[in-house]
């Protein structure tokens, strides 16, 4: 695989899974996180075909969504993750994973698609941090694993999956752990939180954050859920 060289001497792949790469910098609170992303992404999204071909799935993983940016900023500024076991669910390009790893967390990142995992591995190598990566469905891929923090940003799109997803996420949270969701409410997600409550996770804190996403301002709810009377960061 061909590669390019960053100013600090680390090599980055110039092509990953057929996509040309670039390095983008994201301002996250007082930090700057660099991600290996798809170069000229618009060229890889056939909008005309999207309108007429229901079977075509665009590379949504290649976008850094508002929820990921809010959750990454919270990891840098308010959520104590140093030395803790952290799971990033539906990690995409991995901004959340890198934010947690940069703060000293032991991070596992999971995504259904192998391509974003490849991009995340390149970004982790560029940053000089370790991230354990898993390709698979979070419902079945991590049996008997428990995490201090389970992080889910922009994950809620399919109502028919809410019950299954809630059961899986609640099982992954350690007894004194916390599930953090960054939910822009692109659809009505009330049923998901009802399912979480049935599985023993109760909402403890809710904050709302406004962040620009392309041409509009997106309102993202950041929600902490846990089993204890008080959620620990």
Protein backbone atom coordinates (compact mmCIF):
# COMPACT_ATOMS: atom_id res chain seq x y z
CA UNK A 1 0.00 0.00 0.00
CA UNK A 2 1.36 3.37 -0.97
CA UNK A 3 1.93 5.88 1.77
CA UNK A 4 2.64 9.54 2.38
CA UNK A 5 4.75 11.06 5.13
CA UNK A 6 3.59 13.59 7.72
CA UNK A 7 5.86 16.35 8.98
CA UNK A 8 6.59 14.37 12.15
CA UNK A 9 7.94 11.50 10.08
CA UNK A 10 5.09 9.03 10.52
CA UNK A 11 3.88 7.31 7.38
CA UNK A 12 0.18 7.35 6.52
CA UNK A 13 -1.44 5.23 3.78
CA UNK A 14 -2.27 7.31 0.71
CA UNK A 15 -5.11 4.91 -0.16
CA UNK A 16 -7.28 2.86 2.19
CA UNK A 17 -9.86 0.40 0.82
CA UNK A 18 -9.80 2.23 -2.50
CA UNK A 19 -10.31 5.69 -0.96
CA UNK A 20 -7.58 8.35 -1.25
CA UNK A 21 -6.66 9.74 2.15
CA UNK A 22 -5.85 13.05 3.76
CA UNK A 23 -5.15 14.20 7.30
CA UNK A 24 -7.66 16.62 8.84
CA UNK A 25 -7.25 18.49 12.11
CA UNK A 26 -10.21 18.84 14.47
CA UNK A 27 -10.25 21.40 17.26
CA UNK A 28 -11.57 19.60 20.35
CA UNK A 29 -11.70 22.00 23.30
CA UNK A 30 -8.05 22.90 23.94
CA UNK A 31 -6.78 19.94 21.91
CA UNK A 32 -6.22 19.28 18.24
CA UNK A 33 -6.92 15.74 17.05
CA UNK A 34 -5.79 14.61 13.62
CA UNK A 35 -7.82 12.09 11.67
CA UNK A 36 -7.01 10.22 8.50
CA UNK A 37 -10.10 10.90 6.37
CA UNK A 38 -11.35 10.40 2.82
CA UNK A 39 -9.92 12.97 0.42
CA UNK A 40 -12.52 14.68 -1.81
CA UNK A 41 -15.35 12.73 -0.22
CA UNK A 42 -17.97 14.32 -2.49
CA UNK A 43 -16.43 12.54 -5.47
CA UNK A 44 -17.25 9.20 -3.84
CA UNK A 45 -20.94 9.97 -3.23
CA UNK A 46 -23.06 9.46 -6.37
CA UNK A 47 -26.03 11.65 -5.42
CA UNK A 48 -28.00 10.80 -8.58
CA UNK A 49 -27.65 7.08 -7.92
CA UNK A 50 -28.63 7.61 -4.27
CA UNK A 51 -31.95 9.06 -5.45
CA UNK A 52 -32.80 6.03 -7.57
CA UNK A 53 -31.05 3.04 -6.02
CA UNK A 54 -32.40 2.02 -2.60
CA UNK A 55 -29.76 -0.69 -2.31
CA UNK A 56 -26.89 1.80 -2.36
CA UNK A 57 -25.48 2.62 1.07
CA UNK A 58 -23.37 5.81 1.04
CA UNK A 59 -20.19 5.93 3.15
CA UNK A 60 -21.81 7.58 6.18
CA UNK A 61 -18.86 6.34 8.23
CA UNK A 62 -16.64 8.80 6.34
CA UNK A 63 -18.35 11.84 7.88
CA UNK A 64 -17.51 13.20 11.33
CA UNK A 65 -21.00 13.74 12.75
CA UNK A 66 -22.11 16.33 15.30
CA UNK A 67 -22.65 13.72 18.03
CA UNK A 68 -19.07 12.48 17.74
CA UNK A 69 -17.72 16.01 18.02
CA UNK A 70 -19.79 16.76 21.14
CA UNK A 71 -18.81 13.50 22.82
CA UNK A 72 -15.12 13.94 21.93
CA UNK A 73 -15.13 17.43 23.42
CA UNK A 74 -16.76 16.12 26.60
CA UNK A 75 -14.08 13.46 26.95
CA UNK A 76 -11.44 16.15 26.78
CA UNK A 77 -13.17 18.59 29.16
CA UNK A 78 -15.46 16.80 31.62
CA UNK A 79 -15.59 12.99 31.43
CA UNK A 80 -12.81 11.36 33.43
CA UNK A 81 -11.61 8.45 31.31
CA UNK A 82 -7.93 8.12 32.30
CA UNK A 83 -7.07 4.51 33.08
CA UNK A 84 -10.62 3.36 32.41
CA UNK A 85 -11.92 0.71 30.02
CA UNK A 86 -13.76 2.54 27.24
CA UNK A 87 -15.87 1.17 24.38
CA UNK A 88 -16.64 3.37 21.35
CA UNK A 89 -19.70 1.86 19.63
CA UNK A 90 -20.14 2.52 15.90
CA UNK A 91 -16.83 4.34 15.95
CA UNK A 92 -16.70 5.46 12.32
CA UNK A 93 -13.49 7.37 11.67
CA UNK A 94 -12.76 7.34 15.38
CA UNK A 95 -12.73 10.91 16.68
CA UNK A 96 -14.28 9.74 19.96
CA UNK A 97 -11.81 6.86 20.27
CA UNK A 98 -8.84 9.14 19.73
CA UNK A 99 -10.14 11.68 22.25
CA UNK A 100 -10.45 8.96 24.90
CA UNK A 101 -7.09 7.39 24.07
CA UNK A 102 -5.39 10.79 24.20
CA UNK A 103 -6.67 11.11 27.78
CA UNK A 104 -5.18 7.80 28.85
CA UNK A 105 -8.16 5.46 28.44
CA UNK A 106 -7.86 1.82 27.41
CA UNK A 107 -10.02 2.09 24.29
CA UNK A 108 -11.85 -0.55 22.28
CA UNK A 109 -13.54 0.66 19.10
CA UNK A 110 -16.15 -1.35 17.21
CA UNK A 111 -17.85 -0.80 13.86
CA UNK A 112 -19.81 -3.06 11.54
CA UNK A 113 -17.76 -1.93 8.55
CA UNK A 114 -14.08 -2.84 8.14
CA UNK A 115 -13.15 0.30 6.17
CA UNK A 116 -13.63 2.87 8.97
CA UNK A 117 -11.66 0.57 11.26
CA UNK A 118 -8.77 0.74 8.79
CA UNK A 119 -8.96 4.54 8.81
CA UNK A 120 -9.05 4.60 12.61
CA UNK A 121 -5.99 2.36 12.83
CA UNK A 122 -4.12 4.78 10.56
CA UNK A 123 -5.19 7.73 12.74
CA UNK A 124 -4.17 5.94 15.94
CA UNK A 125 -0.75 5.18 14.46
CA UNK A 126 -0.40 8.82 13.43
CA UNK A 127 -1.27 9.96 16.96
CA UNK A 128 0.98 7.37 18.58
CA UNK A 129 -1.83 5.89 20.70
CA UNK A 130 -3.17 2.35 21.02
CA UNK A 131 -6.79 1.52 20.19
CA UNK A 132 -8.09 -2.04 20.19
CA UNK A 133 -10.36 -2.45 17.15
CA UNK A 134 -13.19 -4.89 16.44
CA UNK A 135 -15.16 -5.35 13.23
CA UNK A 136 -18.63 -6.67 13.97
CA UNK A 137 -22.08 -6.16 15.45
CA UNK A 138 -21.90 -4.86 19.02
CA UNK A 139 -24.79 -7.18 19.91
CA UNK A 140 -22.72 -10.32 19.31
CA UNK A 141 -19.05 -9.38 18.91
CA UNK A 142 -18.06 -8.71 22.54
CA UNK A 143 -19.41 -11.55 24.68
CA UNK A 144 -18.61 -11.34 28.39
CA UNK A 145 -16.81 -7.99 28.04
CA UNK A 146 -17.60 -5.11 30.40
CA UNK A 147 -16.50 -1.49 30.16
CA UNK A 148 -16.35 1.43 32.58
CA UNK A 149 -17.56 3.80 29.88
CA UNK A 150 -19.64 2.82 26.85
CA UNK A 151 -19.81 5.66 24.32
CA UNK A 152 -22.43 5.90 21.58
CA UNK A 153 -22.45 8.96 19.32
CA UNK A 154 -25.00 9.38 16.50
CA UNK A 155 -25.96 5.73 16.73
CA UNK A 156 -29.76 5.85 16.72
CA UNK A 157 -31.27 5.59 13.25
CA UNK A 158 -33.35 2.40 13.08
CA UNK A 159 -36.30 2.07 15.47
CA UNK A 160 -36.59 -1.66 14.89
CA UNK A 161 -33.09 -2.04 16.36
CA UNK A 162 -33.73 -0.06 19.56
CA UNK A 163 -34.66 -2.99 21.82
CA UNK A 164 -31.82 -5.19 20.57
CA UNK A 165 -29.29 -2.36 20.85
CA UNK A 166 -30.45 -1.31 24.31
CA UNK A 167 -30.09 -4.86 25.62
CA UNK A 168 -26.57 -5.15 24.17
CA UNK A 169 -25.33 -1.80 25.44
CA UNK A 170 -26.70 -2.31 28.94
CA UNK A 171 -24.94 -5.69 29.12
CA UNK A 172 -21.62 -4.07 28.16
CA UNK A 173 -21.70 -1.48 30.96
CA UNK A 174 -19.76 -2.57 34.06
CA UNK A 175 -21.68 -2.59 37.39
CA UNK A 176 -20.44 0.88 38.32
CA UNK A 177 -20.02 2.06 34.75
CA UNK A 178 -21.72 4.67 32.59
CA UNK A 179 -23.31 4.71 29.15
CA UNK A 180 -22.89 8.06 27.41
CA UNK A 181 -25.02 8.79 24.35
CA UNK A 182 -24.63 11.82 22.08
CA UNK A 183 -28.05 11.98 20.43
CA UNK A 184 -28.95 14.63 17.82
CA UNK A 185 -32.47 13.10 17.70
CA UNK A 186 -32.48 12.72 13.94
CA UNK A 187 -35.48 10.48 14.63
CA UNK A 188 -37.65 10.09 17.74
CA UNK A 189 -35.43 8.11 20.13
CA UNK A 190 -37.72 7.98 23.18
CA UNK A 191 -38.36 4.23 22.74
CA UNK A 192 -34.62 3.54 22.93
CA UNK A 193 -34.28 5.18 26.34
CA UNK A 194 -37.37 3.37 27.53
CA UNK A 195 -35.73 0.10 26.50
CA UNK A 196 -32.53 1.04 28.35
CA UNK A 197 -34.54 1.68 31.51
CA UNK A 198 -36.13 -1.76 31.25
CA UNK A 199 -32.60 -3.16 31.10
CA UNK A 200 -31.56 -1.33 34.25
CA UNK A 201 -29.95 1.88 32.97
CA UNK A 202 -31.46 5.15 34.22
CA UNK A 203 -30.81 8.65 32.94
CA UNK A 204 -28.72 10.68 35.38
CA UNK A 205 -27.62 13.79 33.49
CA UNK A 206 -28.77 15.42 30.27
CA UNK A 207 -27.12 18.44 28.65
CA UNK A 208 -27.82 20.04 25.30
CA UNK A 209 -25.09 21.28 22.98
CA UNK A 210 -25.35 23.26 19.75
CA UNK A 211 -22.78 22.56 17.07
CA UNK A 212 -22.59 23.49 13.41
CA UNK A 213 -22.95 20.58 11.02
CA UNK A 214 -22.41 21.60 7.40
CA UNK A 215 -24.87 24.48 6.77
CA UNK A 216 -27.03 24.21 9.90
CA UNK A 217 -26.76 24.21 13.68
CA UNK A 218 -27.42 20.79 15.21
CA UNK A 219 -28.71 20.37 18.78
CA UNK A 220 -27.16 17.32 20.42
CA UNK A 221 -28.33 15.83 23.72
CA UNK A 222 -25.49 14.35 25.76
CA UNK A 223 -26.98 11.79 28.16
CA UNK A 224 -25.31 9.80 30.94
CA UNK A 225 -27.02 6.62 32.11
CA UNK A 226 -26.06 4.22 34.87
CA UNK A 227 -27.23 1.79 37.49
CA UNK A 228 -25.86 3.68 40.51
CA UNK A 229 -27.45 6.54 42.39
CA UNK A 230 -24.71 8.76 41.03
CA UNK A 231 -22.99 8.37 37.67
CA UNK A 232 -19.23 8.77 37.83
CA UNK A 233 -18.02 10.88 34.86
